[in-house]
Protein backbone atom coordinates (compact mmCIF):
# COMPACT_ATOMS: atom_id res chain seq x y z
CA MET A 1 120.01 58.39 12.79
CA LYS A 2 120.42 58.62 16.95
CA LYS A 3 123.34 58.07 17.08
CA ILE A 4 124.54 60.92 14.91
CA LEU A 5 122.00 63.15 17.02
CA SER A 6 123.92 62.09 20.35
CA LEU A 7 127.20 62.55 18.41
CA LEU A 8 126.82 66.15 17.74
CA VAL A 9 124.99 67.01 21.13
CA LEU A 10 127.94 65.59 23.28
CA ALA A 11 131.06 65.80 21.04
CA PRO A 12 130.88 69.84 21.33
CA VAL A 13 130.66 69.65 24.92
CA LEU A 14 133.83 67.45 25.53
CA ALA A 15 135.92 69.34 23.40
CA LEU A 16 134.22 72.14 25.47
CA ILE A 17 135.48 70.31 28.83
CA GLY A 18 138.56 69.24 27.54
CA TYR A 19 139.64 72.95 26.64
CA LEU A 20 138.31 74.01 30.19
CA LEU A 21 140.36 71.11 31.81
CA PHE A 22 143.27 71.82 30.26
CA LYS A 23 143.40 75.63 29.23
CA PRO A 24 146.90 77.74 30.91
CA VAL A 25 145.69 80.00 33.14
CA PRO A 26 147.86 82.91 34.34
CA ILE A 27 148.03 82.79 37.91
CA ALA A 28 150.96 81.70 39.84
CA PRO A 29 150.01 80.48 43.37
CA VAL A 30 151.79 81.37 46.33
CA PRO A 31 152.09 79.79 49.36
CA TYR A 32 150.05 82.40 52.42
CA THR A 33 152.21 82.49 55.56
CA LEU A 34 149.93 83.14 58.93
CA ALA A 35 151.18 84.50 61.84
CA PRO A 36 152.54 83.06 65.10
CA ASN A 37 149.36 82.42 67.69
CA THR A 38 149.34 84.14 70.23
CA GLY A 39 147.21 81.59 72.06
CA TYR A 40 144.24 83.66 74.12
CA THR A 41 145.41 87.03 75.15
CA GLY A 42 144.09 90.59 76.03
CA VAL A 43 140.19 90.57 75.56
CA HIS A 44 140.72 86.78 74.86
CA ALA A 45 142.29 86.28 78.54
CA PRO A 46 141.26 84.01 80.53
CA ASN A 47 138.73 85.51 83.27
CA THR A 48 139.21 84.07 86.86
CA ARG A 49 137.86 87.01 88.50
CA LEU A 50 134.73 84.74 90.03
CA ALA A 51 137.53 81.23 89.92
CA GLY A 52 136.99 82.14 94.62
CA LEU A 53 133.00 81.74 95.06
CA LYS A 54 131.51 80.25 97.67
CA ALA A 55 127.20 79.40 97.42
CA ILE A 56 125.72 80.72 100.27
CA LYS A 57 123.47 78.72 102.13
CA LEU A 58 119.93 80.07 102.32
CA HIS A 59 118.57 77.42 104.54
CA GLY A 60 115.57 75.41 102.34
CA GLU A 61 114.38 79.00 100.34
CA VAL A 62 115.35 79.25 96.67
CA GLY A 63 115.79 83.18 95.13
CA PRO A 64 117.34 85.08 95.26
CA GLU A 65 114.92 87.27 92.95
CA HIS A 66 115.31 90.80 94.05
CA ILE A 67 118.41 92.33 96.03
CA ALA A 68 118.43 95.58 97.61
CA ILE A 69 121.28 97.62 100.13
CA GLY A 70 120.07 98.88 103.34
CA PRO A 71 120.79 102.32 104.52
CA ASP A 72 122.30 99.93 106.83
CA GLY A 73 124.81 98.96 104.01
CA LYS A 74 123.83 95.15 104.73
CA LEU A 75 122.08 92.84 102.01
CA TYR A 76 118.35 92.47 101.25
CA VAL A 77 117.47 89.89 99.60
CA GLY A 78 113.84 88.89 98.55
CA MET A 79 113.05 85.38 98.39
CA GLU A 80 110.65 82.95 96.01
CA SER A 81 108.94 82.49 98.80
CA GLY A 82 108.19 86.40 99.90
CA ASN A 83 110.84 86.25 102.63
CA ILE A 84 113.62 88.54 102.92
CA THR A 85 116.17 87.35 103.94
CA ARG A 86 119.82 89.76 105.25
CA MET A 87 123.06 88.96 104.71
CA ASN A 88 125.79 89.55 107.56
CA GLN A 89 129.12 90.37 108.15
CA GLU A 90 129.94 86.37 107.49
CA TRP A 91 128.08 86.04 104.11
CA ARG A 92 125.13 84.13 106.15
CA ALA A 93 121.87 84.66 105.82
CA ALA A 94 119.84 85.68 108.76
CA LEU A 95 115.86 85.08 107.56
CA LEU A 96 114.26 88.44 109.49
CA PRO A 97 110.06 88.05 110.56
CA LEU A 98 108.63 90.85 108.28
CA PRO A 99 105.18 90.41 107.13
CA THR A 100 105.08 90.42 103.75
CA ALA A 101 102.53 88.99 101.26
CA ALA A 102 102.65 85.83 100.13
CA ARG A 103 104.85 86.09 96.86
CA TRP A 104 101.39 84.43 94.11
CA ALA A 105 98.43 86.69 96.50
CA TRP A 106 97.90 89.23 93.84
CA HIS A 107 96.20 86.85 91.86
CA LEU A 108 93.87 85.42 94.46
CA THR A 109 92.37 89.09 94.58
CA PRO A 110 90.04 90.17 92.24
CA GLN A 111 90.84 92.97 90.29
CA ALA A 112 89.64 95.56 87.89
CA ILE A 113 89.18 95.01 84.50
């Protein structure tokens, strides 16, 4: 009885699979031709404008955190330690003897809540 029942279930499933495998389809495949590869051009072209940059020696300082152009046209840089550095024409850092608060001094002062 189980064999007959399994054949009754299995036969239509096998017939459906065979029909779907061998049914003619009205589709004619056509080859797709790609456009020639132009490489990296336009907005994707290699950018080499920053290739000639040099590292600036900061004499043990870590930074810069903030950069500003002063009224004299020179570049002023705030370092992580709280020191202010001015860049001269040869891009050498010159530490300015300016009295600045320590970087994390605001943590040490009581603040109103």
